[in-house]
Amino acid sequence: MTIGFSSRAALSTCVFCTAGLLALAPAATAARTGRPDPGPPGGPRATAPHPSLLYRSGTQVRLHPGAPEVPDVSALSWVVADARTGEVLAAHDAHRKLPPASTLKTLFALTVLPVLPGGVRHEVSAGELSGVGPGSSLVGVVEGLSYRVSDLWNGVFLNSGNDAVHVLAALTGGWDATAARMQAEARELGARDTQVRSPDGYDAPGQVSSAFDLAVFGRAGLRNPDFARYCATIDAVFPGRDGGTYGIRNTNRLLTGADGVDPYPGLIGIKNGYTSNAGNTLVAAARRDGRTLVVTVMNPQAGGGPLVYEEARALLDWGFEAAGRVDPVGSLDAGRTRPRPGPQAVPATASAAARPSQGGPGWPETGAIVGAAGLGAGVTALVLRLTLRRAERD
């Protein structure tokens, strides 16, 4: 491996990696109805959700008089939640355990992004690509080529590239170690339905998640500036053979408007997925009039591939219209084992989130090292060893 920045910068990067950084920004202040956002979980409230409500089967919602009815969607499981407060506005079979497909890459990114600076370069070996499953979605990583970590993350978020996931996992301790860290991260976030077997979301026996857990991951991702930027990026260039590049485009149709799906106004992005076992899955976030919603849709039962986007659209529309006119049925913070960070920056629009990094050539991208604490001493030690070896050579 080679490091594309000076030894002093690398050592500083590692210090940041160990300590973790959190950039704070003002929280949302008002909903479209003109009412203020509800207070944080645990604050005074006229009514409180029953603690087990989200574990009940069927659709759970607590409408005020005159509030809009929840749309009729065919997904096996779905959740609509407020990204700032974590309040679940409505849900259907929220904790039903289902295959997540590539939406599990949200958890992979939460686990690995904080410890891999975007400016690091790595030459890919054959062994790092040997375990990619047949039929996987690929971005086109080639053995023997050198890639920036930021290129590989574009491959993960835009093309859902399992080849890029394998390389990034190899850089942080290997496939099984990454799965174990993902499992630990899920538990700390309170996502207790998720069982990780394959970090790229490829179908594997026993691998499941839930609409609730995926909403937890999506919400947590928006608090990481790099995650928010990558998941909102529509187009990027990817290194090719012989020093060339080629364009890649985000496969989230609700973001891009591809294949006859109208783009959703204010969509921030996040992640879509598909396997024959999981069906179509999607975690989507959108911002409107100072409020950000996170929606998960798992395996619609009617129509084709575009239906997952249309059902997410209907749920987002309902969530924005119903804001302030429903009581929560639960909280995404309900199962956390560590304190939730304070309000964090979420991009006002997809285009704002997709702005390129302002870091100079060879430097880690802005915000690439965020919240490394709690991801495991082994990963931090790996980065430390790499930077120290570079320093010794210099």
Protein backbone atom coordinates (compact mmCIF):
# COMPACT_ATOMS: atom_id res chain seq x y z
CA MET A 1 0.00 0.00 0.00
CA THR A 2 1.14 3.56 -0.59
CA ILE A 3 -0.01 6.64 1.29
CA GLY A 4 -0.72 9.71 -0.83
CA PHE A 5 0.19 12.37 1.69
CA SER A 6 3.14 13.39 3.87
CA SER A 7 4.12 11.38 6.94
CA ARG A 8 3.28 14.28 9.24
CA ALA A 9 -0.17 14.59 7.71
CA ALA A 10 -0.64 10.84 7.94
CA LEU A 11 0.25 10.82 11.61
CA SER A 12 -2.19 13.68 12.23
CA THR A 13 -4.84 11.76 10.33
CA CYS A 14 -4.31 8.74 12.54
CA VAL A 15 -4.67 10.85 15.68
CA PHE A 16 -7.99 12.15 14.35
CA CYS A 17 -8.94 8.60 13.43
CA THR A 18 -8.40 7.46 16.97
CA ALA A 19 -10.17 10.31 18.65
CA GLY A 20 -13.10 10.78 16.23
CA LEU A 21 -14.66 14.06 15.15
CA LEU A 22 -18.25 15.23 15.06
CA ALA A 23 -19.23 18.37 13.15
CA LEU A 24 -22.33 19.98 14.58
CA ALA A 25 -24.86 22.03 12.69
CA PRO A 26 -28.20 23.64 13.55
CA ALA A 27 -31.12 21.26 13.75
CA ALA A 28 -34.29 21.56 11.73
CA THR A 29 -36.69 24.07 13.21
CA ALA A 30 -40.09 23.88 11.55
CA ALA A 31 -42.30 21.48 9.67
CA ARG A 32 -44.35 22.28 6.59
CA THR A 33 -47.40 22.67 8.82
CA GLY A 34 -45.69 25.57 10.58
CA ARG A 35 -45.48 23.71 13.88
CA PRO A 36 -42.06 23.29 15.50
CA ASP A 37 -40.33 19.93 15.43
CA PRO A 38 -41.14 17.78 18.46
CA GLY A 39 -38.65 17.79 21.29
CA PRO A 40 -35.97 15.10 21.61
CA PRO A 41 -36.85 11.59 22.79
CA GLY A 42 -37.35 11.55 26.55
CA GLY A 43 -38.64 15.12 26.70
CA PRO A 44 -42.10 16.08 27.94
CA ARG A 45 -44.89 14.81 25.74
CA ALA A 46 -48.64 14.65 26.01
CA THR A 47 -48.71 11.01 24.98
CA ALA A 48 -45.91 8.43 24.84
CA PRO A 49 -45.68 5.46 22.47
CA HIS A 50 -46.24 2.04 23.92
CA PRO A 51 -42.78 0.46 24.23
CA SER A 52 -43.73 -2.64 22.24
CA LEU A 53 -45.92 -0.98 19.59
CA LEU A 54 -43.37 -1.43 16.79
CA TYR A 55 -43.14 -5.15 17.54
CA ARG A 56 -46.81 -5.65 16.72
CA SER A 57 -47.79 -6.95 13.31
CA GLY A 58 -49.57 -4.80 10.79
CA THR A 59 -49.54 -1.03 10.33
CA GLN A 60 -48.92 1.10 13.41
CA VAL A 61 -49.88 4.79 13.34
CA ARG A 62 -51.46 7.23 15.82
CA LEU A 63 -53.32 9.84 13.80
CA HIS A 64 -54.72 13.07 15.16
CA PRO A 65 -58.20 14.02 13.92
CA GLY A 66 -57.95 15.29 10.36
CA ALA A 67 -54.51 13.81 9.74
CA PRO A 68 -53.98 12.13 6.35
CA GLU A 69 -54.41 8.39 6.13
CA VAL A 70 -51.31 6.27 5.65
CA PRO A 71 -50.94 5.24 1.98
CA ASP A 72 -51.68 1.67 1.01
CA VAL A 73 -48.36 0.12 -0.01
CA SER A 74 -47.48 -3.47 -0.79
CA ALA A 75 -44.05 -3.72 0.88
CA LEU A 76 -43.65 -6.51 3.41
CA SER A 77 -42.17 -4.01 5.86
CA TRP A 78 -41.69 -0.23 6.02
CA VAL A 79 -40.89 2.63 8.38
CA VAL A 80 -41.30 6.43 8.27
CA ALA A 81 -39.19 8.31 10.83
CA ASP A 82 -38.04 11.83 11.67
CA ALA A 83 -34.26 11.96 11.16
CA ARG A 84 -33.65 14.62 13.80
CA THR A 85 -35.67 13.26 16.69
CA GLY A 86 -35.69 9.59 15.76
CA GLU A 87 -39.46 9.44 16.25
CA VAL A 88 -41.18 6.79 14.15
CA LEU A 89 -44.28 8.38 12.62
CA ALA A 90 -45.71 5.15 11.20
CA ALA A 91 -44.56 1.63 10.41
CA HIS A 92 -45.67 -1.72 9.08
CA ASP A 93 -44.10 -4.86 10.57
CA ALA A 94 -41.09 -2.71 11.50
CA HIS A 95 -39.10 -5.52 13.12
CA ARG A 96 -39.86 -8.23 10.59
CA LYS A 97 -36.54 -9.90 9.75
CA LEU A 98 -35.92 -9.90 6.01
CA PRO A 99 -32.91 -10.11 3.68
CA PRO A 100 -31.60 -6.54 3.22
CA ALA A 101 -29.65 -6.87 -0.06
CA SER A 102 -27.33 -3.90 -0.68
CA THR A 103 -29.07 -1.64 1.83
CA LEU A 104 -26.80 -3.46 4.31
CA LYS A 105 -23.96 -1.42 2.78
CA THR A 106 -25.25 1.44 4.95
CA LEU A 107 -24.03 -0.47 8.00
CA PHE A 108 -20.79 -1.35 6.20
CA ALA A 109 -20.16 2.34 5.54
CA LEU A 110 -20.98 3.33 9.12
CA THR A 111 -18.42 0.80 10.32
CA VAL A 112 -15.57 1.32 7.84
CA LEU A 113 -15.81 4.93 6.58
CA PRO A 114 -14.51 6.55 9.77
CA VAL A 115 -11.18 4.67 9.73
CA LEU A 116 -10.17 4.94 6.05
CA PRO A 117 -9.09 8.44 4.93
CA GLY A 118 -10.31 9.21 1.42
CA GLY A 119 -6.83 10.19 0.24
CA VAL A 120 -5.22 6.81 0.92
CA ARG A 121 -4.20 4.91 -2.22
CA HIS A 122 -4.13 1.14 -2.49
CA GLU A 123 -3.07 -1.32 -5.19
CA VAL A 124 -5.63 -4.09 -5.43
CA SER A 125 -4.51 -7.70 -5.21
CA ALA A 126 -6.17 -10.77 -6.71
CA GLY A 127 -6.96 -12.15 -3.28
CA GLU A 128 -9.05 -9.13 -2.40
CA LEU A 129 -11.40 -9.85 -5.31
CA SER A 130 -11.49 -13.63 -5.04
CA GLY A 131 -14.52 -13.84 -2.77
CA VAL A 132 -16.93 -11.68 -4.78
CA GLY A 133 -20.13 -13.67 -5.21
CA PRO A 134 -21.43 -14.71 -8.65
CA GLY A 135 -23.93 -12.27 -10.09
CA SER A 136 -22.79 -9.47 -7.78
CA SER A 137 -23.17 -5.85 -8.77
CA LEU A 138 -19.71 -4.54 -9.68
CA VAL A 139 -18.11 -1.17 -10.29
CA GLY A 140 -15.13 -2.64 -12.17
CA VAL A 141 -12.24 -2.82 -9.69
CA VAL A 142 -9.22 -4.37 -11.44
CA GLU A 143 -6.39 -6.34 -9.91
CA GLY A 144 -3.08 -4.48 -10.00
CA LEU A 145 -4.56 -0.99 -10.33
CA SER A 146 -4.12 1.66 -7.64
CA TYR A 147 -7.27 3.35 -6.33
CA ARG A 148 -7.99 6.15 -3.92
CA VAL A 149 -10.23 5.07 -1.07
CA SER A 150 -12.66 7.81 -2.13
CA ASP A 151 -12.93 6.13 -5.58
CA LEU A 152 -13.83 2.85 -3.92
CA TRP A 153 -16.51 4.53 -1.80
CA ASN A 154 -18.03 6.04 -4.93
CA GLY A 155 -18.13 2.50 -6.28
CA VAL A 156 -19.94 1.30 -3.15
CA PHE A 157 -22.55 4.06 -2.97
CA LEU A 158 -23.21 4.71 -6.65
CA ASN A 159 -22.76 1.30 -8.31
CA SER A 160 -23.31 -0.84 -5.22
CA GLY A 161 -20.01 -2.48 -6.16
CA ASN A 162 -19.38 -5.63 -4.17
CA ASP A 163 -15.85 -5.66 -5.59
CA ALA A 164 -15.18 -2.28 -3.93
CA VAL A 165 -16.64 -3.55 -0.65
CA HIS A 166 -14.27 -6.52 -0.69
CA VAL A 167 -11.23 -4.29 -1.15
CA LEU A 168 -12.28 -1.86 1.59
CA ALA A 169 -12.97 -4.75 3.96
CA ALA A 170 -9.50 -6.16 3.23
CA LEU A 171 -7.99 -2.81 4.19
CA THR A 172 -9.63 -2.93 7.62
CA GLY A 173 -8.86 -6.43 8.79
CA GLY A 174 -10.58 -8.79 6.36
CA TRP A 175 -14.03 -10.08 5.52
CA ASP A 176 -14.92 -11.93 8.72
CA ALA A 177 -13.47 -9.23 10.97
CA THR A 178 -15.47 -6.57 9.12
CA ALA A 179 -18.66 -8.59 9.52
CA ALA A 180 -17.98 -8.90 13.26
CA ARG A 181 -17.41 -5.15 13.60
CA MET A 182 -20.58 -4.45 11.64
CA GLN A 183 -22.48 -6.70 14.02
CA ALA A 184 -21.06 -4.84 17.01
CA GLU A 185 -21.88 -1.46 15.41
CA ALA A 186 -25.47 -2.57 14.81
CA ARG A 187 -25.88 -3.55 18.44
CA GLU A 188 -24.47 -0.25 19.71
CA LEU A 189 -26.93 1.61 17.50
CA GLY A 190 -29.80 -0.45 18.89
CA ALA A 191 -30.37 -2.41 15.67
CA ARG A 192 -31.05 -5.83 17.14
CA ASP A 193 -32.79 -7.51 14.21
CA THR A 194 -29.68 -7.45 12.00
CA GLN A 195 -27.49 -10.50 11.51
CA VAL A 196 -24.42 -9.87 9.34
CA ARG A 197 -22.99 -12.71 7.29
CA SER A 198 -21.77 -10.93 4.13
CA PRO A 199 -20.76 -7.25 4.55
CA ASP A 200 -21.76 -6.37 0.96
CA GLY A 201 -25.37 -7.49 1.45
CA TYR A 202 -24.99 -10.50 -0.86
CA ASP A 203 -27.54 -13.16 0.08
CA ALA A 204 -26.15 -15.51 2.72
CA PRO A 205 -27.87 -18.02 5.02
CA GLY A 206 -29.05 -16.29 8.17
CA GLN A 207 -28.36 -12.75 6.95
CA VAL A 208 -31.31 -10.50 7.84
CA SER A 209 -32.17 -6.99 8.88
CA SER A 210 -35.42 -5.06 9.30
CA ALA A 211 -37.02 -1.83 8.17
CA PHE A 212 -36.44 -0.46 11.67
CA ASP A 213 -32.74 -1.32 11.71
CA LEU A 214 -32.14 0.02 8.20
CA ALA A 215 -33.80 3.30 9.18
CA VAL A 216 -31.44 3.44 12.17
CA PHE A 217 -28.45 2.97 9.83
CA GLY A 218 -29.69 5.55 7.35
CA ARG A 219 -30.29 8.13 10.05
CA ALA A 220 -26.86 7.50 11.60
CA GLY A 221 -25.26 7.83 8.17
CA LEU A 222 -26.64 11.32 7.68
CA ARG A 223 -24.65 12.40 10.73
CA ASN A 224 -21.40 11.50 8.95
CA PRO A 225 -20.56 14.21 6.39
CA ASP A 226 -18.80 11.74 4.08
CA PHE A 227 -21.66 9.26 4.17
CA ALA A 228 -24.13 12.08 3.44
CA ARG A 229 -22.02 13.31 0.53
CA TYR A 230 -21.41 9.90 -1.05
CA CYS A 231 -25.03 8.77 -0.77
CA ALA A 232 -26.21 11.97 -2.50
CA THR A 233 -23.71 11.87 -5.36
CA ILE A 234 -25.38 11.27 -8.72
CA ASP A 235 -22.39 10.98 -11.09
CA ALA A 236 -18.68 10.31 -10.63
CA VAL A 237 -15.68 9.08 -12.61
CA PHE A 238 -13.98 5.79 -11.79
CA PRO A 239 -10.40 4.76 -12.64
CA GLY A 240 -10.07 2.38 -15.57
CA ARG A 241 -7.29 0.43 -17.19
CA ASP A 242 -4.31 2.20 -18.79
CA GLY A 243 -4.78 5.33 -16.71
CA GLY A 244 -8.19 6.24 -18.12
CA THR A 245 -11.50 6.80 -16.37
CA TYR A 246 -15.15 6.10 -17.05
CA GLY A 247 -18.38 7.51 -15.69
CA ILE A 248 -20.53 5.82 -13.08
CA ARG A 249 -24.04 6.85 -12.05
CA ASN A 250 -26.02 6.29 -8.89
CA THR A 251 -28.51 3.43 -9.26
CA ASN A 252 -30.97 5.05 -6.82
CA ARG A 253 -33.68 6.11 -9.29
CA LEU A 254 -35.48 8.27 -6.75
CA LEU A 255 -32.32 10.38 -6.69
CA THR A 256 -31.41 10.36 -10.40
CA GLY A 257 -34.81 10.15 -12.09
CA ALA A 258 -33.66 7.28 -14.30
CA ASP A 259 -35.81 4.68 -16.06
CA GLY A 260 -39.06 6.59 -15.87
CA VAL A 261 -38.92 7.30 -12.12
CA ASP A 262 -39.33 11.00 -11.33
CA PRO A 263 -36.66 12.29 -8.95
CA TYR A 264 -38.04 13.14 -5.51
CA PRO A 265 -37.76 16.85 -4.59
CA GLY A 266 -35.35 17.36 -1.71
CA LEU A 267 -34.08 13.78 -1.75
CA ILE A 268 -30.80 13.37 0.12
CA GLY A 269 -30.25 9.84 -1.15
CA ILE A 270 -28.98 6.88 0.92
CA LYS A 271 -29.10 3.34 -0.58
CA ASN A 272 -31.10 0.93 -2.71
CA GLY A 273 -30.65 -2.81 -3.17
CA TYR A 274 -31.91 -5.89 -4.93
CA THR A 275 -31.41 -9.65 -4.90
CA SER A 276 -33.75 -12.39 -6.01
CA ASN A 277 -34.11 -13.44 -2.38
CA ALA A 278 -34.60 -9.96 -0.87
CA GLY A 279 -36.54 -8.37 -3.69
CA ASN A 280 -36.19 -4.60 -3.99
CA THR A 281 -35.14 -2.72 -0.87
CA LEU A 282 -34.56 1.00 -0.27
CA VAL A 283 -33.54 3.40 2.46
CA ALA A 284 -34.30 6.98 1.41
CA ALA A 285 -34.06 10.36 3.12
CA ALA A 286 -35.50 13.68 2.02
CA ARG A 287 -35.62 17.20 3.43
CA ARG A 288 -38.49 19.66 3.12
CA ASP A 289 -39.22 22.92 4.97
CA GLY A 290 -36.66 22.24 7.68
CA ARG A 291 -37.65 18.63 8.36
CA THR A 292 -35.74 15.51 7.31
CA LEU A 293 -37.47 12.14 7.03
CA VAL A 294 -35.99 8.66 6.66
CA VAL A 295 -38.05 5.95 4.99
CA THR A 296 -37.32 2.24 4.60
CA VAL A 297 -39.21 0.05 2.13
CA MET A 298 -38.55 -3.69 1.97
CA ASN A 299 -39.72 -6.03 -0.78
CA PRO A 300 -42.87 -4.58 -2.43
CA GLN A 301 -45.16 -7.38 -3.53
CA ALA A 302 -46.82 -5.73 -6.53
CA GLY A 303 -45.34 -4.42 -9.76
CA GLY A 304 -41.73 -4.38 -10.89
CA GLY A 305 -38.46 -2.76 -9.82
CA PRO A 306 -39.66 0.86 -9.92
CA LEU A 307 -42.40 0.16 -7.36
CA VAL A 308 -40.01 0.38 -4.40
CA TYR A 309 -39.33 4.00 -5.38
CA GLU A 310 -42.99 4.87 -5.83
CA GLU A 311 -43.93 3.35 -2.49
CA ALA A 312 -41.09 5.29 -0.84
CA ARG A 313 -42.36 8.44 -2.58
CA ALA A 314 -45.87 7.88 -1.22
CA LEU A 315 -44.57 7.34 2.31
CA LEU A 316 -42.34 10.42 2.18
CA ASP A 317 -45.23 12.54 0.91
CA TRP A 318 -47.42 11.24 3.71
CA GLY A 319 -44.72 11.84 6.33
CA PHE A 320 -44.24 15.47 5.36
CA GLU A 321 -47.99 16.08 5.22
CA ALA A 322 -48.65 14.30 8.52
CA ALA A 323 -45.79 15.93 10.46
CA GLY A 324 -47.15 17.44 13.64
CA ARG A 325 -50.48 15.62 13.23
CA VAL A 326 -49.45 12.18 14.48
CA ASP A 327 -48.10 10.86 17.75
CA PRO A 328 -44.98 8.69 17.44
CA VAL A 329 -45.34 4.93 17.57
CA GLY A 330 -41.75 4.41 18.69
CA SER A 331 -38.22 5.75 18.49
CA LEU A 332 -35.14 4.80 16.47
CA ASP A 333 -33.16 5.42 19.67
CA ALA A 334 -35.09 2.81 21.65
CA GLY A 335 -32.39 0.14 21.71
CA ARG A 336 -29.19 2.20 21.73
CA THR A 337 -26.36 1.15 24.05
CA ARG A 338 -24.37 4.37 23.65
CA PRO A 339 -25.51 8.00 23.85
CA ARG A 340 -26.78 9.49 20.61
CA PRO A 341 -24.67 12.38 19.27
CA GLY A 342 -26.19 15.84 19.21
CA PRO A 343 -27.88 17.29 16.10
CA GLN A 344 -25.71 16.77 13.05
CA ALA A 345 -25.42 18.26 9.61
CA VAL A 346 -27.69 16.82 6.96
CA PRO A 347 -27.55 18.38 3.51
CA ALA A 348 -30.37 20.72 2.57
CA THR A 349 -30.51 19.24 -0.91
CA ALA A 350 -28.93 16.39 -2.78
CA SER A 351 -26.83 18.78 -4.84
CA ALA A 352 -25.44 20.42 -1.72
CA ALA A 353 -24.44 17.06 -0.31
CA ALA A 354 -22.76 16.06 -3.54
CA ARG A 355 -20.33 18.98 -3.68
CA PRO A 356 -16.76 17.72 -4.15
CA SER A 357 -14.28 17.79 -1.30
CA GLN A 358 -12.26 20.95 -0.89
CA GLY A 359 -9.17 19.07 0.28
CA GLY A 360 -6.04 19.44 -1.80
CA PRO A 361 -4.56 16.63 -3.91
CA GLY A 362 -3.25 13.78 -1.82
CA TRP A 363 -4.98 14.88 1.36
CA PRO A 364 -7.81 13.01 3.08
CA GLU A 365 -11.14 14.36 1.90
CA THR A 366 -12.97 16.82 4.10
CA GLY A 367 -14.72 15.06 6.97
CA ALA A 368 -13.35 11.64 5.99
CA ILE A 369 -12.29 10.86 9.52
CA VAL A 370 -15.35 11.04 11.72
CA GLY A 371 -16.31 9.11 14.82
CA ALA A 372 -13.68 6.35 14.80
CA ALA A 373 -14.11 5.75 18.52
CA GLY A 374 -15.89 2.49 19.23
CA LEU A 375 -15.05 0.82 15.90
CA GLY A 376 -12.39 -1.40 17.40
CA ALA A 377 -8.78 -0.93 18.42
CA GLY A 378 -7.65 -3.33 15.70
CA VAL A 379 -8.70 -1.03 12.86
CA THR A 380 -7.15 2.04 14.49
CA ALA A 381 -3.94 0.09 15.06
CA LEU A 382 -3.89 -0.90 11.39
CA VAL A 383 -4.02 2.74 10.27
CA LEU A 384 -1.39 3.66 12.88
CA ARG A 385 0.99 0.98 11.61
CA LEU A 386 0.58 2.18 8.02
CA THR A 387 1.28 5.80 8.89
CA LEU A 388 4.27 4.94 11.10
CA ARG A 389 5.82 2.79 8.38
CA ARG A 390 5.46 5.65 5.96
CA ALA A 391 7.05 8.02 8.49
CA GLU A 392 9.99 5.65 9.00
CA ARG A 393 10.66 5.50 5.25
CA ASP A 394 10.56 9.29 5.01
